[in-house]
């Protein structure tokens, strides 16, 4: 199922000059839609709220 973004897609300020990154937008169920910043024709990946929280927790623990 393709997630429907209910807010604007945002790109990280860490994306650099090449724009090799993803864009993230909120979805109606509190999750997130994630798409390729260079190819908006591809369907975004969808993450439920719980999945997104797990991802953020893991990413933050690795950034330390």
C-alpha atoms as a PDB file:
ATOM      1  CA  UNK A   1       0.000   0.000   0.000  1.00  0.00           C
ATOM      2  CA  UNK A   2       1.360   3.404  -0.955  1.00  0.00           C
ATOM      3  CA  UNK A   3       1.228   5.866   1.929  1.00  0.00           C
ATOM      4  CA  UNK A   4      -0.472   9.193   1.368  1.00  0.00           C
ATOM      5  CA  UNK A   5       1.437  12.174   2.700  1.00  0.00           C
ATOM      6  CA  UNK A   6      -0.720  14.709   4.537  1.00  0.00           C
ATOM      7  CA  UNK A   7       2.031  17.246   5.052  1.00  0.00           C
ATOM      8  CA  UNK A   8       4.854  18.629   2.983  1.00  0.00           C
ATOM      9  CA  UNK A   9       7.867  16.493   2.205  1.00  0.00           C
ATOM     10  CA  UNK A  10      11.008  17.773   3.906  1.00  0.00           C
ATOM     11  CA  UNK A  11      14.625  17.139   3.051  1.00  0.00           C
ATOM     12  CA  UNK A  12      17.385  16.973   5.633  1.00  0.00           C
ATOM     13  CA  UNK A  13      19.693  19.947   5.936  1.00  0.00           C
ATOM     14  CA  UNK A  14      22.503  17.359   5.977  1.00  0.00           C
ATOM     15  CA  UNK A  15      21.769  16.314   2.376  1.00  0.00           C
ATOM     16  CA  UNK A  16      24.776  18.139   0.951  1.00  0.00           C
ATOM     17  CA  UNK A  17      25.310  19.529  -2.518  1.00  0.00           C
ATOM     18  CA  UNK A  18      24.590  16.326  -4.444  1.00  0.00           C
ATOM     19  CA  UNK A  19      21.057  16.040  -3.058  1.00  0.00           C
ATOM     20  CA  UNK A  20      21.548  12.299  -2.571  1.00  0.00           C
ATOM     21  CA  UNK A  21      18.963  11.888   0.125  1.00  0.00           C
ATOM     22  CA  UNK A  22      15.367  11.100   0.925  1.00  0.00           C
ATOM     23  CA  UNK A  23      12.416  13.311   1.758  1.00  0.00           C
ATOM     24  CA  UNK A  24      10.020  12.556   4.599  1.00  0.00           C
ATOM     25  CA  UNK A  25       6.397  13.583   5.122  1.00  0.00           C
ATOM     26  CA  UNK A  26       3.805  12.795   7.797  1.00  0.00           C
ATOM     27  CA  UNK A  27       0.913  10.457   6.982  1.00  0.00           C
ATOM     28  CA  UNK A  28      -2.657  10.442   8.281  1.00  0.00           C
ATOM     29  CA  UNK A  29      -2.000   7.535  10.677  1.00  0.00           C
ATOM     30  CA  UNK A  30       0.911   9.300  12.392  1.00  0.00           C
ATOM     31  CA  UNK A  31       3.524   7.427  10.398  1.00  0.00           C
ATOM     32  CA  UNK A  32       5.826   8.696   7.683  1.00  0.00           C
ATOM     33  CA  UNK A  33       6.135   8.489   3.902  1.00  0.00           C
ATOM     34  CA  UNK A  34       9.711   8.390   2.606  1.00  0.00           C
ATOM     35  CA  UNK A  35      10.637   9.102  -1.025  1.00  0.00           C
ATOM     36  CA  UNK A  36      13.739   9.514  -3.156  1.00  0.00           C
ATOM     37  CA  UNK A  37      14.573  13.210  -3.490  1.00  0.00           C
ATOM     38  CA  UNK A  38      15.725  12.764  -7.094  1.00  0.00           C
ATOM     39  CA  UNK A  39      12.862  10.594  -8.376  1.00  0.00           C
ATOM     40  CA  UNK A  40       9.384  11.661  -7.287  1.00  0.00           C
ATOM     41  CA  UNK A  41       7.785   9.287  -9.808  1.00  0.00           C
ATOM     42  CA  UNK A  42       8.601   6.263  -7.626  1.00  0.00           C
ATOM     43  CA  UNK A  43       6.098   5.341  -4.951  1.00  0.00           C
ATOM     44  CA  UNK A  44       7.150   6.339  -1.424  1.00  0.00           C
ATOM     45  CA  UNK A  45       7.849   3.796   1.291  1.00  0.00           C
ATOM     46  CA  UNK A  46       5.394   3.841   4.169  1.00  0.00           C
ATOM     47  CA  UNK A  47       6.163   3.424   7.851  1.00  0.00           C
ATOM     48  CA  UNK A  48       3.548   3.075  10.578  1.00  0.00           C
ATOM     49  CA  UNK A  49       3.950   5.274  13.655  1.00  0.00           C
ATOM     50  CA  UNK A  50       5.469   2.446  15.743  1.00  0.00           C
ATOM     51  CA  UNK A  51       7.911   1.473  12.982  1.00  0.00           C
ATOM     52  CA  UNK A  52       9.034   5.088  12.581  1.00  0.00           C
ATOM     53  CA  UNK A  53       9.659   5.444  16.338  1.00  0.00           C
ATOM     54  CA  UNK A  54      11.795   2.290  16.333  1.00  0.00           C
ATOM     55  CA  UNK A  55      13.798   3.596  13.373  1.00  0.00           C
ATOM     56  CA  UNK A  56      14.405   6.971  15.036  1.00  0.00           C
ATOM     57  CA  UNK A  57      15.444   5.371  18.319  1.00  0.00           C
ATOM     58  CA  UNK A  58      17.938   3.131  16.520  1.00  0.00           C
ATOM     59  CA  UNK A  59      19.293   5.956  14.329  1.00  0.00           C
ATOM     60  CA  UNK A  60      19.786   8.241  17.335  1.00  0.00           C
ATOM     61  CA  UNK A  61      21.633   5.520  19.255  1.00  0.00           C
ATOM     62  CA  UNK A  62      24.050   5.041  16.340  1.00  0.00           C
ATOM     63  CA  UNK A  63      24.683   8.779  15.948  1.00  0.00           C
ATOM     64  CA  UNK A  64      26.316   9.097  19.356  1.00  0.00           C
END
